[in-house]
Amino acid sequence: MENKKLHLIISIIFTINCCFLKNKVEKIIDVIIDNKKISKEDIQSIEKIDELRLLRNAVFARHGRTFNDKKLQNFFEKYSWYKPKKDIKIILSNTDEIILNLIRNSESSILIKQFLNKPKKNNLKNMEITLIGDWDTQPVSSSGYVNKHTFLENGLVQIYEDEMDCQKRLLSSFGTWRIENDTLFINLSKKLVINGGKLIPSAGSCGSEYELVDGYNAFEDLNPVQNIEYKIKEITSSPFAESSENKSLIKTDKIDFYRLPK
């Protein structure tokens, strides 16, 4: 009798410890399996791509998907709720779709940070130092940027599409930049796009007729890569604090760049 009581106590303690020792990923997987909503903050608290991949595939594992990737298959087989089925057609719930979009957005954010996290370039030319920062292709940005260019000290660049165009799929492009012989060379190799979603009539804050909603961000290769050259004709550096009325200017043979206030 005493042995039975001891085994029962040990079993209860073990169960309690299992619950408390669950990591963030396992706790979120539990929520996914219950088909409950997860906050954006909970997803963003996961900072490793591999862990986000597990969460994304947990959505499909809930429906019994069999995985070709042995690591994924072995991971989910340890759960009692996982019932793999062959040749099944998975129908995702609305909650599934929302969770997948949150996870994919987080994956893209991490990939972008990794891409941009390069060491600062040494021996920058004076003209290159002048270019570092945020620039737009219009002098006044009262309602949002039109074509913002962010030139970083590590030789990378991010070019944003029109902020007022709410129906666009291309959000921004990424690559490298340098200045040689008064020419600005930009080589774009990555892009941030919106996949999926649907178009609805736009709200008043949009400059486009329609607005793209319920899609997810994807950081992808730009294929083919895009090479741009701008011949620098004039640089006017403002001695005053940057403002919408008073901006440093870089004139090129194709477009002009106006520095954005910090």
Protein backbone atom coordinates (compact mmCIF):
# COMPACT_ATOMS: atom_id res chain seq x y z
CA MET A 1 0.00 0.00 0.00
CA GLU A 2 2.80 2.37 0.94
CA ASN A 3 4.58 1.62 -2.35
CA LYS A 4 1.43 2.47 -4.32
CA LYS A 5 1.14 5.81 -2.52
CA LEU A 6 4.81 6.53 -3.18
CA HIS A 7 4.43 5.73 -6.89
CA LEU A 8 1.35 7.95 -7.06
CA ILE A 9 3.17 10.88 -5.42
CA ILE A 10 6.15 10.47 -7.75
CA SER A 11 3.82 10.33 -10.76
CA ILE A 12 2.06 13.53 -9.69
CA ILE A 13 5.37 15.35 -9.09
CA PHE A 14 6.67 14.18 -12.47
CA THR A 15 3.52 15.40 -14.23
CA ILE A 16 3.72 18.79 -12.52
CA ASN A 17 7.42 19.15 -13.39
CA CYS A 18 6.72 18.26 -17.02
CA CYS A 19 4.19 21.06 -17.25
CA PHE A 20 6.50 23.62 -15.69
CA LEU A 21 9.58 22.51 -17.62
CA LYS A 22 7.98 22.92 -21.02
CA ASN A 23 9.82 25.46 -23.13
CA LYS A 24 8.19 28.24 -25.14
CA VAL A 25 8.01 26.17 -28.31
CA GLU A 26 6.26 23.26 -26.62
CA LYS A 27 3.78 25.58 -24.92
CA ILE A 28 2.89 27.22 -28.23
CA ILE A 29 2.57 23.80 -29.89
CA ASP A 30 0.02 22.89 -27.21
CA VAL A 31 -2.00 25.97 -28.15
CA ILE A 32 -1.75 25.12 -31.87
CA ILE A 33 -2.99 21.58 -31.26
CA ASP A 34 -5.99 22.97 -29.37
CA ASN A 35 -6.74 25.18 -32.42
CA LYS A 36 -6.58 28.29 -30.26
CA LYS A 37 -5.34 31.73 -31.27
CA ILE A 38 -1.79 32.84 -30.49
CA SER A 39 -0.71 36.45 -30.03
CA LYS A 40 1.84 38.07 -32.32
CA GLU A 41 3.97 38.77 -29.23
CA ASP A 42 4.12 35.06 -28.35
CA ILE A 43 5.30 34.18 -31.85
CA GLN A 44 7.83 37.03 -31.86
CA SER A 45 9.28 35.73 -28.59
CA ILE A 46 10.66 32.79 -30.59
CA GLU A 47 13.91 34.07 -32.09
CA LYS A 48 15.32 31.00 -33.84
CA ILE A 49 14.39 30.07 -37.40
CA ASP A 50 14.54 26.33 -36.63
CA GLU A 51 12.05 26.73 -33.78
CA LEU A 52 9.67 28.78 -35.92
CA ARG A 53 9.88 26.05 -38.55
CA LEU A 54 8.74 23.53 -35.93
CA LEU A 55 5.79 25.74 -35.02
CA ARG A 56 4.82 26.22 -38.66
CA ASN A 57 4.87 22.48 -39.29
CA ALA A 58 2.99 21.79 -36.05
CA VAL A 59 -0.03 23.36 -37.75
CA PHE A 60 0.11 20.65 -40.42
CA ALA A 61 1.08 17.90 -37.97
CA ARG A 62 -2.16 18.65 -36.12
CA HIS A 63 -4.00 17.47 -39.25
CA GLY A 64 -1.90 14.31 -39.59
CA ARG A 65 0.62 15.30 -42.26
CA THR A 66 3.46 12.84 -42.82
CA PHE A 67 6.80 14.61 -43.27
CA ASN A 68 9.54 13.65 -45.72
CA ASP A 69 12.05 15.39 -43.45
CA LYS A 70 13.08 12.71 -40.93
CA LYS A 71 13.92 15.28 -38.25
CA LEU A 72 10.44 16.74 -38.44
CA GLN A 73 8.82 13.31 -38.51
CA ASN A 74 10.81 12.14 -35.49
CA PHE A 75 10.05 15.37 -33.62
CA PHE A 76 6.29 15.06 -33.95
CA GLU A 77 6.18 11.29 -33.41
CA LYS A 78 7.06 11.85 -29.76
CA TYR A 79 3.66 13.49 -29.20
CA SER A 80 0.66 11.31 -28.37
CA TRP A 81 -1.69 13.62 -30.29
CA TYR A 82 0.21 13.12 -33.56
CA LYS A 83 -1.66 10.69 -35.80
CA PRO A 84 0.13 10.59 -39.19
CA LYS A 85 -1.98 9.75 -42.21
CA LYS A 86 -0.95 9.11 -45.79
CA ASP A 87 -2.40 10.87 -48.81
CA ILE A 88 -4.66 13.19 -46.84
CA LYS A 89 -6.07 16.48 -48.02
CA ILE A 90 -5.50 19.04 -45.29
CA ILE A 91 -8.15 21.70 -44.80
CA LEU A 92 -6.79 24.50 -42.64
CA SER A 93 -9.01 26.33 -40.18
CA ASN A 94 -9.17 30.11 -40.06
CA THR A 95 -7.12 29.96 -36.85
CA ASP A 96 -4.53 27.79 -38.65
CA GLU A 97 -4.21 30.41 -41.40
CA ILE A 98 -3.78 33.26 -38.91
CA ILE A 99 -1.11 31.36 -36.96
CA LEU A 100 0.77 30.43 -40.15
CA ASN A 101 0.82 34.06 -41.28
CA LEU A 102 2.18 35.19 -37.90
CA ILE A 103 4.91 32.54 -38.01
CA ARG A 104 5.89 33.32 -41.61
CA ASN A 105 6.05 37.04 -40.83
CA SER A 106 8.37 36.30 -37.91
CA GLU A 107 10.55 34.04 -40.05
CA SER A 108 10.91 36.82 -42.62
CA SER A 109 11.81 39.40 -39.96
CA ILE A 110 14.58 37.17 -38.61
CA LEU A 111 15.95 36.44 -42.10
CA ILE A 112 16.03 40.18 -42.87
CA LYS A 113 17.90 40.92 -39.63
CA GLN A 114 20.41 38.19 -40.45
CA PHE A 115 20.89 39.56 -43.97
CA LEU A 116 21.41 43.15 -42.77
CA ASN A 117 23.59 42.21 -39.80
CA LYS A 118 26.97 42.60 -41.48
CA PRO A 119 30.03 44.38 -40.05
CA LYS A 120 30.70 48.02 -40.90
CA LYS A 121 32.83 48.63 -43.99
CA ASN A 122 36.30 50.07 -43.49
CA ASN A 123 37.77 52.99 -45.44
CA LEU A 124 34.49 54.50 -46.63
CA LYS A 125 34.94 57.31 -49.12
CA ASN A 126 33.73 60.79 -48.15
CA MET A 127 30.96 60.60 -50.73
CA GLU A 128 29.87 57.23 -49.33
CA ILE A 129 29.80 58.62 -45.79
CA THR A 130 27.54 61.43 -47.03
CA LEU A 131 25.11 58.88 -48.48
CA ILE A 132 24.68 56.81 -45.31
CA GLY A 133 21.15 57.16 -43.93
CA ASP A 134 17.58 57.44 -45.26
CA TRP A 135 16.71 59.16 -48.54
CA ASP A 136 13.54 59.53 -50.60
CA THR A 137 12.96 60.38 -54.24
CA GLN A 138 10.62 63.28 -53.44
CA PRO A 139 11.36 66.45 -51.43
CA VAL A 140 8.30 66.35 -49.17
CA SER A 141 7.01 63.23 -47.42
CA SER A 142 3.94 64.53 -45.62
CA SER A 143 1.86 61.42 -46.29
CA GLY A 144 4.58 58.77 -46.32
CA TYR A 145 7.66 57.94 -48.37
CA VAL A 146 7.50 57.28 -52.10
CA ASN A 147 10.69 55.32 -52.73
CA LYS A 148 12.80 55.37 -49.56
CA HIS A 149 16.42 54.23 -49.84
CA THR A 150 18.28 53.26 -46.67
CA PHE A 151 22.05 53.13 -47.21
CA LEU A 152 23.89 51.33 -44.38
CA GLU A 153 27.49 51.64 -43.20
CA ASN A 154 28.09 47.97 -43.96
CA GLY A 155 27.52 48.47 -47.68
CA LEU A 156 23.96 47.11 -47.72
CA VAL A 157 20.86 48.92 -48.93
CA GLN A 158 17.11 48.54 -48.49
CA ILE A 159 14.78 50.18 -51.01
CA TYR A 160 11.13 50.57 -49.99
CA GLU A 161 8.20 50.77 -52.38
CA ASP A 162 5.53 53.52 -52.25
CA GLU A 163 4.15 53.59 -48.71
CA MET A 164 0.75 54.82 -49.91
CA ASP A 165 0.25 51.93 -52.36
CA CYS A 166 -1.72 49.51 -50.17
CA GLN A 167 -2.27 46.93 -52.93
CA LYS A 168 1.40 46.30 -53.74
CA ARG A 169 2.95 42.87 -53.25
CA LEU A 170 6.57 44.04 -53.39
CA LEU A 171 7.38 45.82 -50.11
CA SER A 172 11.12 46.37 -50.44
CA SER A 173 14.31 45.18 -52.11
CA PHE A 174 17.73 44.46 -50.58
CA GLY A 175 21.29 44.37 -51.81
CA THR A 176 24.66 46.11 -51.80
CA TRP A 177 25.81 49.60 -52.73
CA ARG A 178 29.07 51.38 -53.44
CA ILE A 179 30.33 54.56 -55.10
CA GLU A 180 33.09 54.49 -57.70
CA ASN A 181 34.13 57.31 -60.02
CA ASP A 182 31.13 59.45 -59.00
CA THR A 183 28.75 56.61 -59.86
CA LEU A 184 26.41 54.94 -57.36
CA PHE A 185 26.19 51.20 -57.99
CA ILE A 186 23.27 49.27 -56.44
CA ASN A 187 23.02 45.48 -56.78
CA LEU A 188 19.71 44.05 -55.53
CA SER A 189 19.50 40.32 -54.73
CA LYS A 190 16.67 39.95 -52.17
CA LYS A 191 13.07 41.11 -51.85
CA LEU A 192 10.33 41.27 -49.24
CA VAL A 193 6.94 40.45 -50.74
CA ILE A 194 3.40 39.73 -49.59
CA ASN A 195 2.15 36.28 -50.57
CA GLY A 196 -1.47 35.19 -50.43
CA GLY A 197 -4.18 37.48 -49.14
CA LYS A 198 -6.98 39.25 -50.96
CA LEU A 199 -7.77 42.72 -52.32
CA ILE A 200 -10.51 44.79 -50.69
CA PRO A 201 -11.55 48.44 -51.25
CA SER A 202 -8.92 50.57 -49.56
CA ALA A 203 -9.34 52.70 -46.46
CA GLY A 204 -8.94 56.47 -46.47
CA SER A 205 -5.25 56.35 -45.51
CA CYS A 206 -4.31 54.51 -48.73
CA GLY A 207 -3.41 56.13 -52.01
CA SER A 208 -4.45 53.08 -54.03
CA GLU A 209 -7.94 51.94 -54.97
CA TYR A 210 -7.53 48.57 -53.25
CA GLU A 211 -5.81 47.23 -50.16
CA LEU A 212 -4.11 43.84 -49.83
CA VAL A 213 -5.07 42.09 -46.58
CA ASP A 214 -4.63 38.70 -44.88
CA GLY A 215 -1.36 37.93 -46.67
CA TYR A 216 2.02 37.10 -45.14
CA ASN A 217 5.52 38.49 -45.62
CA ALA A 218 8.14 36.40 -47.42
CA PHE A 219 11.86 37.21 -47.73
CA GLU A 220 12.91 35.76 -51.08
CA ASP A 221 15.68 35.81 -53.66
CA LEU A 222 15.32 38.43 -56.37
CA ASN A 223 15.67 36.54 -59.63
CA PRO A 224 17.21 37.81 -61.76
CA VAL A 225 19.29 40.18 -59.64
CA GLN A 226 18.84 43.85 -60.43
CA ASN A 227 21.80 46.13 -61.13
CA ILE A 228 21.28 49.90 -61.03
CA GLU A 229 23.72 52.71 -61.80
CA TYR A 230 23.27 56.40 -60.98
CA LYS A 231 25.77 58.98 -62.18
CA ILE A 232 26.11 61.51 -59.35
CA LYS A 233 25.95 65.06 -60.70
CA GLU A 234 25.67 67.16 -57.55
CA ILE A 235 25.59 66.83 -53.76
CA THR A 236 24.07 69.63 -51.69
CA SER A 237 24.52 69.08 -47.97
CA SER A 238 22.25 71.10 -45.69
CA PRO A 239 24.06 72.89 -42.82
CA PHE A 240 20.82 72.93 -40.81
CA ALA A 241 18.74 70.22 -39.17
CA GLU A 242 16.94 68.17 -41.78
CA SER A 243 13.25 69.01 -42.21
CA SER A 244 10.60 68.63 -44.90
CA GLU A 245 11.46 72.12 -46.18
CA ASN A 246 15.21 71.84 -45.78
CA LYS A 247 16.86 68.65 -47.01
CA SER A 248 20.25 67.58 -48.26
CA LEU A 249 20.05 66.70 -51.95
CA ILE A 250 21.89 64.31 -54.25
CA LYS A 251 21.23 64.84 -57.94
CA THR A 252 21.87 61.98 -60.36
CA ASP A 253 21.33 61.45 -64.06
CA LYS A 254 18.10 59.50 -63.39
CA ILE A 255 16.57 60.44 -60.03
CA ASP A 256 17.21 62.81 -57.14
CA PHE A 257 17.61 61.76 -53.51
CA TYR A 258 16.35 63.91 -50.63
CA ARG A 259 17.57 63.09 -47.14
CA LEU A 260 14.82 62.17 -44.70
CA PRO A 261 14.79 63.78 -41.24
CA LYS A 262 16.12 61.49 -38.51
